[in-house]
């Protein structure tokens, strides 16, 4: 059983090494099929890929928002103790 687990870990490591290219669609179809077979059998890697895909989707959805409201920005700078970096209002 330990040998099977080790083999599975190696597959996970290989998937994680290629995850960016896989999500971006920059891999050869054969490698994509291999990754998809792994994802069908590995809940952990499937969660990683799903989370990455959702993060990218949320990023693209919010990309049109170019400015944080000033009151939110002020609270954020205060919490992060970056008040000295905020633009001073005249």
PDB file of N, CA and C in Angstrom:
ATOM      1  N   UNK A   1       0.825  -1.198   0.000  1.00  0.00           N
ATOM      2  CA  UNK A   1       0.000   0.000   0.000  1.00  0.00           C
ATOM      3  C   UNK A   1       0.865   1.257   0.000  1.00  0.00           C
ATOM      4  N   UNK A   2       1.993   1.215   0.689  1.00  0.00           N
ATOM      5  CA  UNK A   2       2.879   2.370   0.736  1.00  0.00           C
ATOM      6  C   UNK A   2       3.434   2.683  -0.655  1.00  0.00           C
ATOM      7  N   UNK A   3       3.770   1.653  -1.421  1.00  0.00           N
ATOM      8  CA  UNK A   3       4.293   1.867  -2.760  1.00  0.00           C
ATOM      9  C   UNK A   3       3.254   2.561  -3.636  1.00  0.00           C
ATOM     10  N   UNK A   4       1.990   2.139  -3.563  1.00  0.00           N
ATOM     11  CA  UNK A   4       0.927   2.774  -4.348  1.00  0.00           C
ATOM     12  C   UNK A   4       0.778   4.239  -3.934  1.00  0.00           C
ATOM     13  N   UNK A   5       0.825   4.495  -2.635  1.00  0.00           N
ATOM     14  CA  UNK A   5       0.704   5.878  -2.150  1.00  0.00           C
ATOM     15  C   UNK A   5       1.849   6.731  -2.675  1.00  0.00           C
ATOM     16  N   UNK A   6       3.066   6.176  -2.688  1.00  0.00           N
ATOM     17  CA  UNK A   6       4.221   6.925  -3.190  1.00  0.00           C
ATOM     18  C   UNK A   6       4.054   7.237  -4.676  1.00  0.00           C
ATOM     19  N   UNK A   7       3.583   6.259  -5.435  1.00  0.00           N
ATOM     20  CA  UNK A   7       3.352   6.472  -6.862  1.00  0.00           C
ATOM     21  C   UNK A   7       2.316   7.564  -7.061  1.00  0.00           C
ATOM     22  N   UNK A   8       1.263   7.540  -6.267  1.00  0.00           N
ATOM     23  CA  UNK A   8       0.211   8.557  -6.355  1.00  0.00           C
ATOM     24  C   UNK A   8       0.784   9.941  -6.040  1.00  0.00           C
ATOM     25  N   UNK A   9       1.649  10.024  -5.023  1.00  0.00           N
ATOM     26  CA  UNK A   9       2.257  11.309  -4.679  1.00  0.00           C
ATOM     27  C   UNK A   9       3.089  11.846  -5.839  1.00  0.00           C
ATOM     28  N   UNK A  10       3.812  10.983  -6.517  1.00  0.00           N
ATOM     29  CA  UNK A  10       4.605  11.431  -7.653  1.00  0.00           C
ATOM     30  C   UNK A  10       3.692  11.993  -8.734  1.00  0.00           C
ATOM     31  N   UNK A  11       2.570  11.353  -8.993  1.00  0.00           N
ATOM     32  CA  UNK A  11       1.625  11.863  -9.969  1.00  0.00           C
ATOM     33  C   UNK A  11       1.097  13.224  -9.542  1.00  0.00           C
ATOM     34  N   UNK A  12       0.844  13.392  -8.268  1.00  0.00           N
ATOM     35  CA  UNK A  12       0.382  14.682  -7.750  1.00  0.00           C
ATOM     36  C   UNK A  12       1.457  15.743  -7.960  1.00  0.00           C
ATOM     37  N   UNK A  13       2.698  15.396  -7.697  1.00  0.00           N
ATOM     38  CA  UNK A  13       3.789  16.344  -7.886  1.00  0.00           C
ATOM     39  C   UNK A  13       3.911  16.738  -9.346  1.00  0.00           C
ATOM     40  N   UNK A  14       3.762  15.780 -10.236  1.00  0.00           N
ATOM     41  CA  UNK A  14       3.842  16.076 -11.663  1.00  0.00           C
ATOM     42  C   UNK A  14       2.695  16.985 -12.079  1.00  0.00           C
ATOM     43  N   UNK A  15       1.497  16.700 -11.568  1.00  0.00           N
ATOM     44  CA  UNK A  15       0.346  17.541 -11.891  1.00  0.00           C
ATOM     45  C   UNK A  15       0.577  18.963 -11.388  1.00  0.00           C
ATOM     46  N   UNK A  16       1.026  19.097 -10.166  1.00  0.00           N
ATOM     47  CA  UNK A  16       1.234  20.430  -9.603  1.00  0.00           C
ATOM     48  C   UNK A  16       2.310  21.200 -10.357  1.00  0.00           C
ATOM     49  N   UNK A  17       3.293  20.487 -10.911  1.00  0.00           N
ATOM     50  CA  UNK A  17       4.341  21.149 -11.683  1.00  0.00           C
ATOM     51  C   UNK A  17       3.796  21.703 -13.001  1.00  0.00           C
ATOM     52  N   UNK A  18       2.696  21.130 -13.486  1.00  0.00           N
ATOM     53  CA  UNK A  18       2.127  21.533 -14.776  1.00  0.00           C
ATOM     54  C   UNK A  18       0.805  22.272 -14.647  1.00  0.00           C
ATOM     55  N   UNK A  19       0.370  22.557 -13.426  1.00  0.00           N
ATOM     56  CA  UNK A  19      -0.978  23.063 -13.209  1.00  0.00           C
ATOM     57  C   UNK A  19      -1.243  24.395 -13.919  1.00  0.00           C
ATOM     58  N   UNK A  20      -0.288  25.291 -13.909  1.00  0.00           N
ATOM     59  CA  UNK A  20      -0.483  26.588 -14.560  1.00  0.00           C
ATOM     60  C   UNK A  20      -0.699  26.444 -16.048  1.00  0.00           C
ATOM     61  N   UNK A  21       0.152  25.655 -16.685  1.00  0.00           N
ATOM     62  CA  UNK A  21       0.014  25.423 -18.124  1.00  0.00           C
ATOM     63  C   UNK A  21      -1.282  24.687 -18.440  1.00  0.00           C
ATOM     64  N   UNK A  22      -1.682  23.769 -17.558  1.00  0.00           N
ATOM     65  CA  UNK A  22      -2.929  23.029 -17.772  1.00  0.00           C
ATOM     66  C   UNK A  22      -4.128  23.969 -17.715  1.00  0.00           C
ATOM     67  N   UNK A  23      -4.200  24.787 -16.703  1.00  0.00           N
ATOM     68  CA  UNK A  23      -5.328  25.703 -16.530  1.00  0.00           C
ATOM     69  C   UNK A  23      -5.380  26.716 -17.670  1.00  0.00           C
ATOM     70  N   UNK A  24      -4.223  27.147 -18.144  1.00  0.00           N
ATOM     71  CA  UNK A  24      -4.170  28.126 -19.236  1.00  0.00           C
ATOM     72  C   UNK A  24      -4.389  27.480 -20.607  1.00  0.00           C
ATOM     73  N   UNK A  25      -4.412  26.142 -20.654  1.00  0.00           N
ATOM     74  CA  UNK A  25      -4.622  25.453 -21.921  1.00  0.00           C
ATOM     75  C   UNK A  25      -3.389  25.395 -22.792  1.00  0.00           C
ATOM     76  N   UNK A  26      -2.212  25.446 -22.167  1.00  0.00           N
ATOM     77  CA  UNK A  26      -0.960  25.482 -22.917  1.00  0.00           C
ATOM     78  C   UNK A  26      -0.232  24.138 -22.974  1.00  0.00           C
ATOM     79  N   UNK A  27      -0.928  23.043 -22.674  1.00  0.00           N
ATOM     80  CA  UNK A  27      -0.289  21.731 -22.700  1.00  0.00           C
ATOM     81  C   UNK A  27      -0.761  20.926 -23.908  1.00  0.00           C
ATOM     82  N   UNK A  28       0.057  19.963 -24.293  1.00  0.00           N
ATOM     83  CA  UNK A  28      -0.304  19.040 -25.370  1.00  0.00           C
ATOM     84  C   UNK A  28      -1.540  18.243 -24.954  1.00  0.00           C
ATOM     85  N   UNK A  29      -2.394  17.909 -25.906  1.00  0.00           N
ATOM     86  CA  UNK A  29      -3.625  17.172 -25.589  1.00  0.00           C
ATOM     87  C   UNK A  29      -3.378  15.861 -24.827  1.00  0.00           C
ATOM     88  N   UNK A  30      -2.286  15.163 -25.152  1.00  0.00           N
ATOM     89  CA  UNK A  30      -1.987  13.902 -24.465  1.00  0.00           C
ATOM     90  C   UNK A  30      -1.712  14.144 -22.982  1.00  0.00           C
ATOM     91  N   UNK A  31      -0.985  15.203 -22.668  1.00  0.00           N
ATOM     92  CA  UNK A  31      -0.688  15.518 -21.279  1.00  0.00           C
ATOM     93  C   UNK A  31      -1.956  15.970 -20.560  1.00  0.00           C
ATOM     94  N   UNK A  32      -2.805  16.717 -21.242  1.00  0.00           N
ATOM     95  CA  UNK A  32      -4.087  17.129 -20.648  1.00  0.00           C
ATOM     96  C   UNK A  32      -4.931  15.909 -20.304  1.00  0.00           C
ATOM     97  N   UNK A  33      -4.962  14.916 -21.185  1.00  0.00           N
ATOM     98  CA  UNK A  33      -5.724  13.692 -20.921  1.00  0.00           C
ATOM     99  C   UNK A  33      -5.163  12.953 -19.713  1.00  0.00           C
ATOM    100  N   UNK A  34      -3.848  12.926 -19.596  1.00  0.00           N
ATOM    101  CA  UNK A  34      -3.206  12.270 -18.454  1.00  0.00           C
ATOM    102  C   UNK A  34      -3.577  12.998 -17.160  1.00  0.00           C
ATOM    103  N   UNK A  35      -3.545  14.318 -17.186  1.00  0.00           N
ATOM    104  CA  UNK A  35      -3.904  15.107 -16.008  1.00  0.00           C
ATOM    105  C   UNK A  35      -5.370  14.890 -15.663  1.00  0.00           C
ATOM    106  N   UNK A  36      -6.247  14.867 -16.661  1.00  0.00           N
ATOM    107  CA  UNK A  36      -7.674  14.669 -16.410  1.00  0.00           C
ATOM    108  C   UNK A  36      -7.957  13.286 -15.834  1.00  0.00           C
ATOM    109  N   UNK A  37      -7.212  12.274 -16.261  1.00  0.00           N
ATOM    110  CA  UNK A  37      -7.349  10.935 -15.655  1.00  0.00           C
ATOM    111  C   UNK A  37      -6.948  10.999 -14.190  1.00  0.00           C
ATOM    112  N   UNK A  38      -5.852  11.707 -13.905  1.00  0.00           N
ATOM    113  CA  UNK A  38      -5.404  11.845 -12.519  1.00  0.00           C
ATOM    114  C   UNK A  38      -6.464  12.585 -11.694  1.00  0.00           C
ATOM    115  N   UNK A  39      -7.014  13.662 -12.237  1.00  0.00           N
ATOM    116  CA  UNK A  39      -8.021  14.445 -11.518  1.00  0.00           C
ATOM    117  C   UNK A  39      -9.275  13.630 -11.235  1.00  0.00           C
ATOM    118  N   UNK A  40      -9.621  12.714 -12.137  1.00  0.00           N
ATOM    119  CA  UNK A  40     -10.796  11.874 -11.934  1.00  0.00           C
ATOM    120  C   UNK A  40     -10.617  10.935 -10.741  1.00  0.00           C
ATOM    121  N   UNK A  41      -9.358  10.618 -10.411  1.00  0.00           N
ATOM    122  CA  UNK A  41      -9.080   9.676  -9.331  1.00  0.00           C
ATOM    123  C   UNK A  41      -8.552  10.338  -8.064  1.00  0.00           C
ATOM    124  N   UNK A  42      -8.206  11.617  -8.125  1.00  0.00           N
ATOM    125  CA  UNK A  42      -7.545  12.264  -6.982  1.00  0.00           C
ATOM    126  C   UNK A  42      -8.337  13.491  -6.517  1.00  0.00           C
ATOM    127  N   UNK A  43      -9.034  13.330  -5.417  1.00  0.00           N
ATOM    128  CA  UNK A  43      -9.836  14.438  -4.876  1.00  0.00           C
ATOM    129  C   UNK A  43      -8.981  15.642  -4.507  1.00  0.00           C
ATOM    130  N   UNK A  44      -7.808  15.404  -3.960  1.00  0.00           N
ATOM    131  CA  UNK A  44      -6.949  16.511  -3.512  1.00  0.00           C
ATOM    132  C   UNK A  44      -6.525  17.395  -4.683  1.00  0.00           C
ATOM    133  N   UNK A  45      -6.048  16.796  -5.746  1.00  0.00           N
ATOM    134  CA  UNK A  45      -5.618  17.585  -6.902  1.00  0.00           C
ATOM    135  C   UNK A  45      -6.807  18.254  -7.582  1.00  0.00           C
ATOM    136  N   UNK A  46      -7.954  17.566  -7.594  1.00  0.00           N
ATOM    137  CA  UNK A  46      -9.149  18.162  -8.197  1.00  0.00           C
ATOM    138  C   UNK A  46      -9.545  19.428  -7.445  1.00  0.00           C
ATOM    139  N   UNK A  47      -9.447  19.412  -6.117  1.00  0.00           N
ATOM    140  CA  UNK A  47      -9.748  20.599  -5.316  1.00  0.00           C
ATOM    141  C   UNK A  47      -8.776  21.726  -5.650  1.00  0.00           C
ATOM    142  N   UNK A  48      -7.493  21.406  -5.800  1.00  0.00           N
ATOM    143  CA  UNK A  48      -6.490  22.418  -6.139  1.00  0.00           C
ATOM    144  C   UNK A  48      -6.800  23.052  -7.491  1.00  0.00           C
ATOM    145  N   UNK A  49      -7.087  22.227  -8.490  1.00  0.00           N
ATOM    146  CA  UNK A  49      -7.371  22.746  -9.826  1.00  0.00           C
ATOM    147  C   UNK A  49      -8.670  23.545  -9.823  1.00  0.00           C
ATOM    148  N   UNK A  50      -9.705  23.039  -9.148  1.00  0.00           N
ATOM    149  CA  UNK A  50     -10.978  23.766  -9.074  1.00  0.00           C
ATOM    150  C   UNK A  50     -10.807  25.114  -8.392  1.00  0.00           C
ATOM    151  N   UNK A  51     -10.039  25.138  -7.315  1.00  0.00           N
ATOM    152  CA  UNK A  51      -9.800  26.390  -6.591  1.00  0.00           C
ATOM    153  C   UNK A  51      -9.041  27.381  -7.464  1.00  0.00           C
ATOM    154  N   UNK A  52      -8.040  26.907  -8.175  1.00  0.00           N
ATOM    155  CA  UNK A  52      -7.285  27.781  -9.069  1.00  0.00           C
ATOM    156  C   UNK A  52      -8.184  28.333 -10.173  1.00  0.00           C
ATOM    157  N   UNK A  53      -9.007  27.488 -10.760  1.00  0.00           N
ATOM    158  CA  UNK A  53      -9.936  27.944 -11.790  1.00  0.00           C
ATOM    159  C   UNK A  53     -10.910  28.990 -11.248  1.00  0.00           C
ATOM    160  N   UNK A  54     -11.433  28.779 -10.054  1.00  0.00           N
ATOM    161  CA  UNK A  54     -12.360  29.746  -9.452  1.00  0.00           C
ATOM    162  C   UNK A  54     -11.657  31.060  -9.154  1.00  0.00           C
ATOM    163  N   UNK A  55     -10.417  30.986  -8.682  1.00  0.00           N
ATOM    164  CA  UNK A  55      -9.644  32.197  -8.401  1.00  0.00           C
ATOM    165  C   UNK A  55      -9.430  33.006  -9.674  1.00  0.00           C
ATOM    166  N   UNK A  56      -9.074  32.331 -10.747  1.00  0.00           N
ATOM    167  CA  UNK A  56      -8.860  33.011 -12.029  1.00  0.00           C
ATOM    168  C   UNK A  56     -10.163  33.634 -12.518  1.00  0.00           C
ATOM    169  N   UNK A  57     -11.270  32.897 -12.388  1.00  0.00           N
ATOM    170  CA  UNK A  57     -12.582  33.408 -12.802  1.00  0.00           C
ATOM    171  C   UNK A  57     -12.954  34.650 -12.001  1.00  0.00           C
ATOM    172  N   UNK A  58     -12.758  34.608 -10.698  1.00  0.00           N
ATOM    173  CA  UNK A  58     -13.066  35.773  -9.852  1.00  0.00           C
ATOM    174  C   UNK A  58     -12.172  36.952 -10.203  1.00  0.00           C
ATOM    175  N   UNK A  59     -10.911  36.689 -10.476  1.00  0.00           N
ATOM    176  CA  UNK A  59      -9.992  37.758 -10.855  1.00  0.00           C
ATOM    177  C   UNK A  59     -10.465  38.433 -12.139  1.00  0.00           C
ATOM    178  N   UNK A  60     -10.815  37.628 -13.139  1.00  0.00           N
ATOM    179  CA  UNK A  60     -11.273  38.194 -14.407  1.00  0.00           C
ATOM    180  C   UNK A  60     -12.592  38.951 -14.232  1.00  0.00           C
ATOM    181  N   UNK A  61     -13.460  38.437 -13.375  1.00  0.00           N
ATOM    182  CA  UNK A  61     -14.744  39.096 -13.146  1.00  0.00           C
ATOM    183  C   UNK A  61     -14.571  40.445 -12.453  1.00  0.00           C
ATOM    184  N   UNK A  62     -13.553  40.561 -11.617  1.00  0.00           N
ATOM    185  CA  UNK A  62     -13.352  41.809 -10.887  1.00  0.00           C
ATOM    186  C   UNK A  62     -12.361  42.739 -11.585  1.00  0.00           C
ATOM    187  N   UNK A  63     -11.796  42.308 -12.697  1.00  0.00           N
ATOM    188  CA  UNK A  63     -10.773  43.107 -13.380  1.00  0.00           C
ATOM    189  C   UNK A  63     -11.313  44.439 -13.872  1.00  0.00           C
ATOM    190  N   UNK A  64     -12.611  44.519 -14.124  1.00  0.00           N
ATOM    191  CA  UNK A  64     -13.190  45.779 -14.597  1.00  0.00           C
ATOM    192  C   UNK A  64     -13.291  46.816 -13.479  1.00  0.00           C
ATOM    193  N   UNK A  65     -13.224  46.357 -12.233  1.00  0.00           N
ATOM    194  CA  UNK A  65     -13.246  47.283 -11.102  1.00  0.00           C
ATOM    195  C   UNK A  65     -11.846  47.865 -10.940  1.00  0.00           C
ATOM    196  N   UNK A  66     -11.709  49.131 -11.271  1.00  0.00           N
ATOM    197  CA  UNK A  66     -10.374  49.709 -11.291  1.00  0.00           C
ATOM    198  C   UNK A  66     -10.029  50.482 -10.029  1.00  0.00           C
ATOM    199  N   UNK A  67     -11.010  50.853  -9.239  1.00  0.00           N
ATOM    200  CA  UNK A  67     -10.709  51.669  -8.075  1.00  0.00           C
ATOM    201  C   UNK A  67     -11.486  51.186  -6.862  1.00  0.00           C
ATOM    202  N   UNK A  68     -10.789  51.098  -5.752  1.00  0.00           N
ATOM    203  CA  UNK A  68     -11.412  50.741  -4.487  1.00  0.00           C
ATOM    204  C   UNK A  68     -12.060  51.999  -3.929  1.00  0.00           C
ATOM    205  N   UNK A  69     -13.299  51.896  -3.436  1.00  0.00           N
ATOM    206  CA  UNK A  69     -13.927  53.075  -2.835  1.00  0.00           C
ATOM    207  C   UNK A  69     -13.040  53.680  -1.742  1.00  0.00           C
ATOM    208  N   UNK A  70     -13.024  55.004  -1.658  1.00  0.00           N
ATOM    209  CA  UNK A  70     -12.097  55.687  -0.744  1.00  0.00           C
ATOM    210  C   UNK A  70     -12.283  55.270   0.704  1.00  0.00           C
ATOM    211  N   UNK A  71     -13.528  55.037   1.150  1.00  0.00           N
ATOM    212  CA  UNK A  71     -13.726  54.635   2.546  1.00  0.00           C
ATOM    213  C   UNK A  71     -13.176  53.237   2.815  1.00  0.00           C
ATOM    214  N   UNK A  72     -13.273  52.346   1.841  1.00  0.00           N
ATOM    215  CA  UNK A  72     -12.711  51.000   1.983  1.00  0.00           C
ATOM    216  C   UNK A  72     -11.190  51.086   1.962  1.00  0.00           C
ATOM    217  N   UNK A  73     -10.663  51.871   1.059  1.00  0.00           N
ATOM    218  CA  UNK A  73      -9.217  52.060   0.966  1.00  0.00           C
ATOM    219  C   UNK A  73      -8.666  52.620   2.274  1.00  0.00           C
ATOM    220  N   UNK A  74      -9.358  53.585   2.843  1.00  0.00           N
ATOM    221  CA  UNK A  74      -8.919  54.179   4.111  1.00  0.00           C
ATOM    222  C   UNK A  74      -8.889  53.171   5.240  1.00  0.00           C
ATOM    223  N   UNK A  75      -9.941  52.359   5.329  1.00  0.00           N
ATOM    224  CA  UNK A  75      -9.977  51.328   6.384  1.00  0.00           C
ATOM    225  C   UNK A  75      -8.884  50.295   6.175  1.00  0.00           C
ATOM    226  N   UNK A  76      -8.660  49.906   4.928  1.00  0.00           N
ATOM    227  CA  UNK A  76      -7.618  48.935   4.621  1.00  0.00           C
ATOM    228  C   UNK A  76      -6.247  49.465   5.014  1.00  0.00           C
ATOM    229  N   UNK A  77      -5.955  50.693   4.634  1.00  0.00           N
ATOM    230  CA  UNK A  77      -4.659  51.285   4.978  1.00  0.00           C
ATOM    231  C   UNK A  77      -4.500  51.402   6.484  1.00  0.00           C
ATOM    232  N   UNK A  78      -5.593  51.709   7.184  1.00  0.00           N
ATOM    233  CA  UNK A  78      -5.529  51.833   8.634  1.00  0.00           C
ATOM    234  C   UNK A  78      -5.252  50.475   9.274  1.00  0.00           C
ATOM    235  N   UNK A  79      -5.951  49.442   8.840  1.00  0.00           N
ATOM    236  CA  UNK A  79      -5.764  48.103   9.384  1.00  0.00           C
ATOM    237  C   UNK A  79      -4.351  47.600   9.108  1.00  0.00           C
ATOM    238  N   UNK A  80      -3.836  47.886   7.930  1.00  0.00           N
ATOM    239  CA  UNK A  80      -2.489  47.450   7.574  1.00  0.00           C
ATOM    240  C   UNK A  80      -1.402  48.382   8.099  1.00  0.00           C
ATOM    241  N   UNK A  81      -1.838  49.401   8.816  1.00  0.00           N
ATOM    242  CA  UNK A  81      -0.922  50.390   9.386  1.00  0.00           C
ATOM    243  C   UNK A  81      -0.069  51.052   8.298  1.00  0.00           C
ATOM    244  N   UNK A  82      -0.734  51.436   7.212  1.00  0.00           N
ATOM    245  CA  UNK A  82      -0.065  52.082   6.092  1.00  0.00           C
ATOM    246  C   UNK A  82      -0.583  53.501   5.887  1.00  0.00           C
ATOM    247  N   UNK A  83      -1.103  54.103   6.929  1.00  0.00           N
ATOM    248  CA  UNK A  83      -1.694  55.444   6.813  1.00  0.00           C
ATOM    249  C   UNK A  83      -0.725  56.446   6.185  1.00  0.00           C
ATOM    250  N   UNK A  84       0.563  56.295   6.452  1.00  0.00           N
ATOM    251  CA  UNK A  84       1.521  57.250   5.905  1.00  0.00           C
ATOM    252  C   UNK A  84       1.666  57.138   4.388  1.00  0.00           C
ATOM    253  N   UNK A  85       1.154  56.059   3.771  1.00  0.00           N
ATOM    254  CA  UNK A  85       1.231  55.896   2.313  1.00  0.00           C
ATOM    255  C   UNK A  85      -0.006  56.428   1.602  1.00  0.00           C
ATOM    256  N   UNK A  86      -1.056  56.680   2.371  1.00  0.00           N
ATOM    257  CA  UNK A  86      -2.285  57.190   1.761  1.00  0.00           C
ATOM    258  C   UNK A  86      -2.058  58.579   1.241  1.00  0.00           C
ATOM    259  N   UNK A  87      -2.734  58.877   0.140  1.00  0.00           N
ATOM    260  CA  UNK A  87      -2.663  60.216  -0.408  1.00  0.00           C
ATOM    261  C   UNK A  87      -3.314  61.193   0.558  1.00  0.00           C
ATOM    262  N   UNK A  88      -2.646  62.287   0.830  1.00  0.00           N
ATOM    263  CA  UNK A  88      -3.185  63.281   1.734  1.00  0.00           C
ATOM    264  C   UNK A  88      -4.139  64.168   0.964  1.00  0.00           C
ATOM    265  N   UNK A  89      -5.307  64.406   1.596  1.00  0.00           N
ATOM    266  CA  UNK A  89      -6.284  65.306   0.990  1.00  0.00           C
ATOM    267  C   UNK A  89      -5.990  66.721   1.435  1.00  0.00           C
ATOM    268  N   UNK A  90      -6.142  67.661   0.525  1.00  0.00           N
ATOM    269  CA  UNK A  90      -5.848  69.051   0.853  1.00  0.00           C
ATOM    270  C   UNK A  90      -6.945  69.640   1.689  1.00  0.00           C
TER     271      UNK A  90
END
